[in-house]
Amino acid sequence: MEFVAAHRDEHFGRSDLRGLTRDSCQIATSTVRTHLSPQRTESARAVRNREVLAEIRAIHADDLGMYGPQGTRGLKREGMAVVRCTVERLMKADGLQGIPRLKGRRTTHSDGADAPRPTDRVQRQFTAEAPNVLWVADLTYIRTHSGWVYAAFVLDVGVAPWT
């Protein structure tokens, strides 16, 4: 390209450049024109991708890495109309991933559980005439970014929750 740039004002015209070869490789006119143009403009898609990716990175960081391609609603709330496949493509190219959806955790009521279950002493009748007569408990699994969290609840059935 340096040769073409140095001799472009001489007797070479566009038609002469088409036949110009170097190391038995033909140089296309569009290649010469693109290379010698003083200003290369970026395509509208590349500009838009850069803007969308900056917003995706910000939302992904704010959500502690949980944001994935299915969360395009966050971008729409920010005023960017983006389809899911565009977000997937940009996140994959940038190496960003959300938390994958996995199958749910097995509970003690699932079929074939190996752990022994406690007996149901109240026969699912969760009513009591007075406080401190019947207490019930439950254990819940909560999936977080850093792993599983277990929450245990113990309630006195005889006490109304609104008092």
N, C-alpha and C. Protein backbone atom coordinates (compact mmCIF):
# COMPACT_ATOMS: atom_id res chain seq x y z
N MET A 1 0.81 -1.19 0.00
CA MET A 1 0.00 0.00 0.00
C MET A 1 0.86 1.26 0.00
N GLU A 2 2.04 1.18 0.58
CA GLU A 2 2.91 2.35 0.59
C GLU A 2 3.31 2.75 -0.83
N PHE A 3 3.54 1.74 -1.70
CA PHE A 3 3.88 2.01 -3.09
C PHE A 3 2.75 2.76 -3.78
N VAL A 4 1.53 2.32 -3.58
CA VAL A 4 0.38 2.95 -4.20
C VAL A 4 0.22 4.36 -3.67
N ALA A 5 0.40 4.55 -2.37
CA ALA A 5 0.27 5.88 -1.78
C ALA A 5 1.34 6.82 -2.32
N ALA A 6 2.55 6.31 -2.53
CA ALA A 6 3.63 7.15 -3.01
C ALA A 6 3.43 7.54 -4.48
N HIS A 7 2.84 6.68 -5.26
CA HIS A 7 2.73 6.92 -6.71
C HIS A 7 1.30 7.19 -7.16
N ARG A 8 0.41 7.52 -6.26
CA ARG A 8 -0.99 7.65 -6.64
C ARG A 8 -1.26 8.88 -7.48
N ASP A 9 -0.42 9.94 -7.39
CA ASP A 9 -0.65 11.14 -8.18
C ASP A 9 0.03 11.07 -9.55
N GLU A 10 0.75 10.01 -9.81
CA GLU A 10 1.43 9.87 -11.09
C GLU A 10 0.47 9.36 -12.15
N HIS A 11 0.97 8.62 -13.10
CA HIS A 11 0.18 8.20 -14.25
C HIS A 11 -0.79 7.06 -13.95
N PHE A 12 -0.79 6.55 -12.71
CA PHE A 12 -1.70 5.45 -12.40
C PHE A 12 -3.11 5.97 -12.22
N GLY A 13 -4.04 5.36 -12.82
CA GLY A 13 -5.45 5.66 -12.61
C GLY A 13 -6.11 4.49 -11.91
N ARG A 14 -7.41 4.60 -11.76
CA ARG A 14 -8.12 3.52 -11.09
C ARG A 14 -8.05 2.22 -11.88
N SER A 15 -8.16 2.32 -13.16
CA SER A 15 -8.12 1.11 -13.97
C SER A 15 -6.73 0.47 -13.92
N ASP A 16 -5.68 1.29 -13.77
CA ASP A 16 -4.33 0.73 -13.66
C ASP A 16 -4.13 0.00 -12.34
N LEU A 17 -4.81 0.47 -11.29
CA LEU A 17 -4.64 -0.17 -9.99
C LEU A 17 -5.24 -1.57 -9.96
N ARG A 18 -6.27 -1.80 -10.80
CA ARG A 18 -6.89 -3.12 -10.80
C ARG A 18 -5.92 -4.20 -11.25
N GLY A 19 -5.04 -3.87 -12.13
CA GLY A 19 -4.11 -4.86 -12.63
C GLY A 19 -2.82 -4.94 -11.83
N LEU A 20 -2.66 -4.07 -10.85
CA LEU A 20 -1.44 -4.02 -10.07
C LEU A 20 -1.33 -5.25 -9.18
N THR A 21 -0.22 -5.93 -9.26
CA THR A 21 -0.02 -7.11 -8.43
C THR A 21 1.28 -6.99 -7.67
N ARG A 22 1.33 -7.64 -6.55
CA ARG A 22 2.55 -7.70 -5.76
C ARG A 22 2.63 -9.09 -5.17
N ASP A 23 3.71 -9.75 -5.38
CA ASP A 23 3.90 -11.13 -4.94
C ASP A 23 2.76 -12.02 -5.44
N SER A 24 2.37 -11.80 -6.69
CA SER A 24 1.32 -12.54 -7.39
C SER A 24 -0.02 -12.50 -6.65
N CYS A 25 -0.28 -11.40 -5.93
CA CYS A 25 -1.58 -11.19 -5.29
C CYS A 25 -2.19 -9.94 -5.90
N GLN A 26 -3.39 -10.02 -6.36
CA GLN A 26 -4.05 -8.88 -6.96
C GLN A 26 -4.66 -8.02 -5.86
N ILE A 27 -4.53 -6.70 -6.00
CA ILE A 27 -5.05 -5.76 -5.00
C ILE A 27 -6.34 -5.16 -5.55
N ALA A 28 -7.41 -5.30 -4.81
CA ALA A 28 -8.69 -4.77 -5.24
C ALA A 28 -8.71 -3.26 -5.07
N THR A 29 -9.46 -2.59 -5.93
CA THR A 29 -9.56 -1.13 -5.88
C THR A 29 -10.17 -0.67 -4.56
N SER A 30 -11.16 -1.41 -4.09
CA SER A 30 -11.80 -1.02 -2.82
C SER A 30 -10.83 -1.11 -1.65
N THR A 31 -9.89 -2.08 -1.72
CA THR A 31 -8.90 -2.20 -0.66
C THR A 31 -7.98 -1.00 -0.64
N VAL A 32 -7.54 -0.57 -1.81
CA VAL A 32 -6.66 0.60 -1.91
C VAL A 32 -7.40 1.84 -1.44
N ARG A 33 -8.64 2.00 -1.88
CA ARG A 33 -9.43 3.16 -1.51
C ARG A 33 -9.66 3.20 0.01
N THR A 34 -9.97 2.07 0.60
CA THR A 34 -10.19 2.01 2.05
C THR A 34 -8.92 2.30 2.82
N HIS A 35 -7.83 1.74 2.35
CA HIS A 35 -6.56 1.93 3.05
C HIS A 35 -6.05 3.36 2.95
N LEU A 36 -6.28 4.00 1.82
CA LEU A 36 -5.76 5.35 1.61
C LEU A 36 -6.71 6.45 2.05
N SER A 37 -7.94 6.09 2.41
CA SER A 37 -8.89 7.13 2.85
C SER A 37 -8.40 7.74 4.16
N PRO A 38 -8.46 9.06 4.27
CA PRO A 38 -7.91 9.72 5.46
C PRO A 38 -8.70 9.42 6.73
N GLN A 39 -9.97 9.11 6.59
CA GLN A 39 -10.78 8.90 7.78
C GLN A 39 -11.59 7.62 7.59
N ARG A 40 -11.40 6.67 8.48
CA ARG A 40 -12.18 5.45 8.44
C ARG A 40 -13.32 5.58 9.43
N THR A 41 -14.51 5.44 8.97
CA THR A 41 -15.67 5.57 9.85
C THR A 41 -16.09 4.19 10.33
N GLU A 42 -16.55 4.16 11.56
CA GLU A 42 -17.02 2.91 12.16
C GLU A 42 -18.47 2.70 11.76
N SER A 43 -18.84 1.47 11.54
CA SER A 43 -20.21 1.18 11.13
C SER A 43 -21.19 1.51 12.25
N ALA A 44 -22.45 1.73 11.86
CA ALA A 44 -23.48 2.05 12.85
C ALA A 44 -23.70 0.88 13.80
N ARG A 45 -23.56 -0.35 13.30
CA ARG A 45 -23.73 -1.51 14.16
C ARG A 45 -22.61 -1.59 15.20
N ALA A 46 -21.39 -1.30 14.81
CA ALA A 46 -20.28 -1.34 15.76
C ALA A 46 -20.45 -0.28 16.84
N VAL A 47 -20.91 0.91 16.46
CA VAL A 47 -21.14 1.98 17.44
C VAL A 47 -22.23 1.55 18.41
N ARG A 48 -23.33 1.01 17.87
CA ARG A 48 -24.45 0.57 18.72
C ARG A 48 -24.01 -0.57 19.63
N ASN A 49 -23.24 -1.54 19.11
CA ASN A 49 -22.76 -2.65 19.93
C ASN A 49 -21.90 -2.15 21.08
N ARG A 50 -21.06 -1.16 20.83
CA ARG A 50 -20.21 -0.61 21.88
C ARG A 50 -21.05 0.04 22.98
N GLU A 51 -22.10 0.77 22.59
CA GLU A 51 -22.99 1.41 23.58
C GLU A 51 -23.75 0.37 24.40
N VAL A 52 -24.30 -0.63 23.71
CA VAL A 52 -25.07 -1.67 24.40
C VAL A 52 -24.16 -2.47 25.33
N LEU A 53 -22.96 -2.80 24.88
CA LEU A 53 -22.03 -3.58 25.70
C LEU A 53 -21.62 -2.81 26.95
N ALA A 54 -21.45 -1.51 26.82
CA ALA A 54 -21.12 -0.71 28.01
C ALA A 54 -22.25 -0.77 29.03
N GLU A 55 -23.49 -0.72 28.55
CA GLU A 55 -24.64 -0.81 29.45
C GLU A 55 -24.77 -2.21 30.05
N ILE A 56 -24.50 -3.23 29.25
CA ILE A 56 -24.55 -4.61 29.75
C ILE A 56 -23.51 -4.81 30.84
N ARG A 57 -22.31 -4.31 30.64
CA ARG A 57 -21.25 -4.42 31.66
C ARG A 57 -21.67 -3.74 32.96
N ALA A 58 -22.28 -2.57 32.85
CA ALA A 58 -22.71 -1.84 34.06
C ALA A 58 -23.79 -2.61 34.81
N ILE A 59 -24.77 -3.11 34.09
CA ILE A 59 -25.86 -3.87 34.74
C ILE A 59 -25.32 -5.17 35.30
N HIS A 60 -24.44 -5.84 34.57
CA HIS A 60 -23.86 -7.10 35.03
C HIS A 60 -23.07 -6.88 36.32
N ALA A 61 -22.32 -5.80 36.40
CA ALA A 61 -21.55 -5.50 37.62
C ALA A 61 -22.47 -5.12 38.77
N ASP A 62 -23.53 -4.36 38.51
CA ASP A 62 -24.47 -3.96 39.56
C ASP A 62 -25.20 -5.17 40.14
N ASP A 63 -25.47 -6.18 39.31
CA ASP A 63 -26.20 -7.36 39.75
C ASP A 63 -25.26 -8.47 40.24
N LEU A 64 -24.02 -8.15 40.53
CA LEU A 64 -23.02 -9.09 41.05
C LEU A 64 -22.83 -10.30 40.13
N GLY A 65 -22.89 -10.07 38.85
CA GLY A 65 -22.64 -11.14 37.88
C GLY A 65 -23.81 -12.07 37.66
N MET A 66 -24.98 -11.75 38.19
CA MET A 66 -26.14 -12.62 38.01
C MET A 66 -26.86 -12.34 36.71
N TYR A 67 -26.64 -11.18 36.13
CA TYR A 67 -27.35 -10.77 34.92
C TYR A 67 -26.93 -11.63 33.74
N GLY A 68 -27.91 -12.16 33.01
CA GLY A 68 -27.64 -12.96 31.83
C GLY A 68 -28.44 -12.43 30.65
N PRO A 69 -28.36 -13.11 29.51
CA PRO A 69 -29.08 -12.64 28.32
C PRO A 69 -30.59 -12.55 28.51
N GLN A 70 -31.15 -13.35 29.41
CA GLN A 70 -32.60 -13.30 29.61
C GLN A 70 -33.03 -12.03 30.33
N GLY A 71 -32.11 -11.25 30.83
CA GLY A 71 -32.44 -10.03 31.55
C GLY A 71 -32.45 -8.79 30.68
N THR A 72 -32.92 -8.89 29.45
CA THR A 72 -32.95 -7.72 28.57
C THR A 72 -33.93 -6.67 29.06
N ARG A 73 -34.78 -7.04 30.02
CA ARG A 73 -35.71 -6.06 30.58
C ARG A 73 -34.95 -4.91 31.27
N GLY A 74 -33.81 -5.22 31.85
CA GLY A 74 -32.99 -4.18 32.47
C GLY A 74 -32.53 -3.15 31.47
N LEU A 75 -32.17 -3.61 30.28
CA LEU A 75 -31.77 -2.69 29.22
C LEU A 75 -32.97 -1.88 28.72
N LYS A 76 -34.12 -2.52 28.64
CA LYS A 76 -35.32 -1.81 28.18
C LYS A 76 -35.73 -0.74 29.19
N ARG A 77 -35.51 -1.02 30.48
CA ARG A 77 -35.80 0.00 31.50
C ARG A 77 -34.86 1.19 31.36
N GLU A 78 -33.65 0.95 30.86
CA GLU A 78 -32.69 2.02 30.65
C GLU A 78 -32.94 2.77 29.33
N GLY A 79 -33.95 2.33 28.59
CA GLY A 79 -34.29 3.01 27.35
C GLY A 79 -33.62 2.45 26.11
N MET A 80 -33.06 1.26 26.21
CA MET A 80 -32.39 0.64 25.06
C MET A 80 -33.23 -0.54 24.58
N ALA A 81 -33.70 -0.45 23.35
CA ALA A 81 -34.47 -1.55 22.76
C ALA A 81 -33.49 -2.56 22.17
N VAL A 82 -33.31 -3.68 22.85
CA VAL A 82 -32.33 -4.68 22.44
C VAL A 82 -32.99 -6.05 22.51
N VAL A 83 -32.73 -6.88 21.52
CA VAL A 83 -33.26 -8.24 21.53
C VAL A 83 -32.29 -9.17 22.24
N ARG A 84 -32.81 -10.30 22.67
CA ARG A 84 -32.04 -11.22 23.49
C ARG A 84 -30.82 -11.79 22.75
N CYS A 85 -30.97 -12.08 21.45
CA CYS A 85 -29.85 -12.67 20.71
C CYS A 85 -28.67 -11.70 20.60
N THR A 86 -28.96 -10.40 20.53
CA THR A 86 -27.89 -9.41 20.49
C THR A 86 -27.14 -9.39 21.82
N VAL A 87 -27.89 -9.44 22.91
CA VAL A 87 -27.27 -9.45 24.23
C VAL A 87 -26.44 -10.72 24.41
N GLU A 88 -26.96 -11.87 23.96
CA GLU A 88 -26.20 -13.12 24.04
C GLU A 88 -24.89 -13.02 23.28
N ARG A 89 -24.96 -12.48 22.06
CA ARG A 89 -23.76 -12.38 21.21
C ARG A 89 -22.72 -11.47 21.84
N LEU A 90 -23.15 -10.31 22.33
CA LEU A 90 -22.21 -9.36 22.92
C LEU A 90 -21.61 -9.89 24.22
N MET A 91 -22.45 -10.55 25.05
CA MET A 91 -21.94 -11.10 26.31
C MET A 91 -20.95 -12.23 26.04
N LYS A 92 -21.23 -13.07 25.05
CA LYS A 92 -20.33 -14.17 24.73
C LYS A 92 -19.00 -13.63 24.21
N ALA A 93 -19.06 -12.61 23.36
CA ALA A 93 -17.82 -12.03 22.82
C ALA A 93 -17.00 -11.35 23.90
N ASP A 94 -17.66 -10.83 24.93
CA ASP A 94 -16.96 -10.14 26.01
C ASP A 94 -16.61 -11.07 27.16
N GLY A 95 -17.07 -12.32 27.12
CA GLY A 95 -16.76 -13.29 28.18
C GLY A 95 -17.61 -13.13 29.43
N LEU A 96 -18.77 -12.50 29.31
CA LEU A 96 -19.66 -12.32 30.46
C LEU A 96 -20.66 -13.46 30.51
N GLN A 97 -20.95 -13.93 31.73
CA GLN A 97 -21.94 -14.99 31.92
C GLN A 97 -22.78 -14.66 33.13
N GLY A 98 -24.02 -15.04 33.07
CA GLY A 98 -24.89 -14.94 34.23
C GLY A 98 -24.87 -16.26 34.98
N ILE A 99 -25.63 -16.33 36.06
CA ILE A 99 -25.73 -17.58 36.80
C ILE A 99 -26.64 -18.51 36.03
N PRO A 100 -26.20 -19.74 35.74
CA PRO A 100 -27.05 -20.64 34.98
C PRO A 100 -28.23 -21.14 35.81
N ARG A 101 -29.33 -21.38 35.14
CA ARG A 101 -30.48 -21.95 35.83
C ARG A 101 -30.26 -23.45 35.95
N LEU A 102 -30.28 -23.92 37.17
CA LEU A 102 -30.08 -25.34 37.41
C LEU A 102 -31.37 -25.95 37.91
N LYS A 103 -31.41 -27.26 37.93
CA LYS A 103 -32.57 -27.94 38.47
C LYS A 103 -32.70 -27.63 39.95
N GLY A 104 -33.91 -27.65 40.42
CA GLY A 104 -34.17 -27.36 41.82
C GLY A 104 -33.59 -28.40 42.77
N ARG A 105 -33.43 -28.01 43.97
CA ARG A 105 -32.88 -28.90 44.99
C ARG A 105 -33.96 -29.87 45.46
N ARG A 106 -33.59 -31.09 45.73
CA ARG A 106 -34.54 -32.08 46.23
C ARG A 106 -34.88 -31.77 47.69
N THR A 107 -36.12 -31.90 48.00
CA THR A 107 -36.57 -31.63 49.37
C THR A 107 -36.89 -32.94 50.07
N THR A 108 -37.25 -32.84 51.32
CA THR A 108 -37.55 -34.05 52.11
C THR A 108 -38.86 -34.70 51.68
N HIS A 109 -39.71 -33.98 50.92
CA HIS A 109 -40.98 -34.55 50.49
C HIS A 109 -40.90 -35.18 49.10
N SER A 110 -39.73 -35.19 48.49
CA SER A 110 -39.61 -35.80 47.17
C SER A 110 -39.59 -37.32 47.30
N ASP A 111 -40.02 -37.99 46.24
CA ASP A 111 -40.05 -39.45 46.25
C ASP A 111 -38.63 -40.00 46.24
N GLY A 112 -38.42 -41.03 47.04
CA GLY A 112 -37.13 -41.69 47.07
C GLY A 112 -36.08 -41.00 47.91
N ALA A 113 -36.46 -40.07 48.78
CA ALA A 113 -35.48 -39.41 49.63
C ALA A 113 -34.94 -40.42 50.64
N ASP A 114 -33.63 -40.41 50.82
CA ASP A 114 -33.00 -41.38 51.71
C ASP A 114 -33.08 -40.96 53.18
N ALA A 115 -33.22 -39.67 53.42
CA ALA A 115 -33.23 -39.20 54.80
C ALA A 115 -34.56 -39.58 55.47
N PRO A 116 -34.50 -40.01 56.72
CA PRO A 116 -35.76 -40.33 57.42
C PRO A 116 -36.55 -39.05 57.70
N ARG A 117 -37.84 -39.14 57.52
CA ARG A 117 -38.70 -37.98 57.74
C ARG A 117 -39.32 -38.04 59.13
N PRO A 118 -39.44 -36.89 59.78
CA PRO A 118 -40.11 -36.89 61.08
C PRO A 118 -41.61 -37.13 60.88
N THR A 119 -42.23 -37.67 61.89
CA THR A 119 -43.67 -37.96 61.80
C THR A 119 -44.46 -36.67 61.92
N ASP A 120 -45.62 -36.64 61.28
CA ASP A 120 -46.51 -35.49 61.32
C ASP A 120 -47.43 -35.66 62.53
N ARG A 121 -47.08 -35.04 63.63
CA ARG A 121 -47.82 -35.24 64.88
C ARG A 121 -49.11 -34.44 64.96
N VAL A 122 -49.28 -33.43 64.13
CA VAL A 122 -50.50 -32.62 64.19
C VAL A 122 -51.45 -32.94 63.04
N GLN A 123 -51.09 -33.88 62.17
CA GLN A 123 -51.93 -34.30 61.04
C GLN A 123 -52.36 -33.11 60.18
N ARG A 124 -51.45 -32.16 59.97
CA ARG A 124 -51.67 -30.97 59.14
C ARG A 124 -52.78 -30.07 59.67
N GLN A 125 -53.07 -30.12 60.94
CA GLN A 125 -54.04 -29.23 61.58
C GLN A 125 -53.26 -28.15 62.32
N PHE A 126 -53.05 -27.01 61.66
CA PHE A 126 -52.19 -25.96 62.21
C PHE A 126 -53.02 -24.90 62.93
N THR A 127 -53.75 -25.33 63.91
CA THR A 127 -54.53 -24.40 64.75
C THR A 127 -54.28 -24.74 66.21
N ALA A 128 -54.31 -23.71 67.05
CA ALA A 128 -54.13 -23.91 68.50
C ALA A 128 -55.03 -22.92 69.22
N GLU A 129 -55.50 -23.33 70.38
CA GLU A 129 -56.40 -22.47 71.15
C GLU A 129 -55.66 -21.39 71.93
N ALA A 130 -54.41 -21.63 72.25
CA ALA A 130 -53.67 -20.68 73.09
C ALA A 130 -52.21 -20.64 72.64
N PRO A 131 -51.49 -19.57 73.01
CA PRO A 131 -50.06 -19.51 72.69
C PRO A 131 -49.27 -20.59 73.43
N ASN A 132 -48.17 -20.95 72.90
CA ASN A 132 -47.22 -21.89 73.49
C ASN A 132 -47.81 -23.30 73.63
N VAL A 133 -48.75 -23.64 72.76
CA VAL A 133 -49.33 -24.98 72.76
C VAL A 133 -48.79 -25.79 71.57
N LEU A 134 -48.72 -25.13 70.40
CA LEU A 134 -48.27 -25.81 69.19
C LEU A 134 -47.25 -24.95 68.46
N TRP A 135 -46.09 -25.54 68.23
CA TRP A 135 -45.03 -24.88 67.48
C TRP A 135 -44.78 -25.69 66.21
N VAL A 136 -44.57 -24.98 65.10
CA VAL A 136 -44.25 -25.64 63.83
C VAL A 136 -42.93 -25.07 63.31
N ALA A 137 -42.24 -25.88 62.51
CA ALA A 137 -40.94 -25.44 61.97
C ALA A 137 -40.85 -25.83 60.49
N ASP A 138 -40.03 -25.10 59.80
CA ASP A 138 -39.79 -25.37 58.38
C ASP A 138 -38.36 -24.99 58.05
N LEU A 139 -37.81 -25.66 57.07
CA LEU A 139 -36.45 -25.39 56.59
C LEU A 139 -36.55 -25.10 55.09
N THR A 140 -35.97 -23.98 54.67
CA THR A 140 -36.04 -23.57 53.28
C THR A 140 -34.63 -23.39 52.72
N TYR A 141 -34.46 -23.83 51.46
CA TYR A 141 -33.19 -23.67 50.76
C TYR A 141 -33.30 -22.45 49.85
N ILE A 142 -32.32 -21.56 49.92
CA ILE A 142 -32.31 -20.36 49.09
C ILE A 142 -31.00 -20.32 48.32
N ARG A 143 -31.11 -20.27 46.99
CA ARG A 143 -29.91 -20.24 46.17
C ARG A 143 -29.45 -18.80 46.00
N THR A 144 -28.19 -18.50 46.32
CA THR A 144 -27.63 -17.17 46.18
C THR A 144 -26.42 -17.24 45.25
N HIS A 145 -25.83 -16.07 45.00
CA HIS A 145 -24.66 -16.00 44.13
C HIS A 145 -23.48 -16.79 44.70
N SER A 146 -23.34 -16.81 46.00
CA SER A 146 -22.19 -17.48 46.61
C SER A 146 -22.48 -18.92 47.00
N GLY A 147 -23.68 -19.41 46.81
CA GLY A 147 -24.01 -20.79 47.16
C GLY A 147 -25.39 -20.88 47.79
N TRP A 148 -25.63 -21.98 48.48
CA TRP A 148 -26.92 -22.20 49.11
C TRP A 148 -26.95 -21.60 50.52
N VAL A 149 -28.10 -21.02 50.86
CA VAL A 149 -28.34 -20.50 52.21
C VAL A 149 -29.55 -21.24 52.73
N TYR A 150 -29.50 -21.64 53.98
CA TYR A 150 -30.59 -22.39 54.59
C TYR A 150 -31.27 -21.50 55.62
N ALA A 151 -32.58 -21.36 55.50
CA ALA A 151 -33.35 -20.54 56.45
C ALA A 151 -34.30 -21.45 57.22
N ALA A 152 -34.25 -21.35 58.54
CA ALA A 152 -35.13 -22.16 59.39
C ALA A 152 -36.15 -21.23 60.04
N PHE A 153 -37.42 -21.66 60.02
CA PHE A 153 -38.50 -20.88 60.61
C PHE A 153 -39.17 -21.71 61.69
N VAL A 154 -39.37 -21.11 62.85
CA VAL A 154 -40.09 -21.74 63.94
C VAL A 154 -41.19 -20.78 64.36
N LEU A 155 -42.43 -21.24 64.29
CA LEU A 155 -43.57 -20.37 64.57
C LEU A 155 -44.44 -20.96 65.67
N ASP A 156 -44.97 -20.07 66.51
CA ASP A 156 -45.97 -20.45 67.50
C ASP A 156 -47.33 -20.29 66.84
N VAL A 157 -48.05 -21.39 66.63
CA VAL A 157 -49.31 -21.36 65.91
C VAL A 157 -50.38 -20.64 66.71
N GLY A 158 -50.30 -20.66 68.02
CA GLY A 158 -51.31 -20.03 68.87
C GLY A 158 -51.26 -18.53 68.87
N VAL A 159 -50.25 -17.91 68.32
CA VAL A 159 -50.12 -16.47 68.30
C VAL A 159 -50.49 -15.98 66.92
N ALA A 160 -51.43 -15.06 66.83
CA ALA A 160 -51.82 -14.50 65.53
C ALA A 160 -50.68 -13.67 65.00
N PRO A 161 -50.36 -13.78 63.71
CA PRO A 161 -49.21 -13.04 63.15
C PRO A 161 -49.39 -11.53 63.13
N TRP A 162 -50.61 -11.04 63.23
CA TRP A 162 -50.85 -9.61 63.15
C TRP A 162 -50.85 -8.95 64.51
N THR A 163 -50.67 -9.71 65.59
CA THR A 163 -50.65 -9.08 66.93
C THR A 163 -49.27 -8.76 67.37
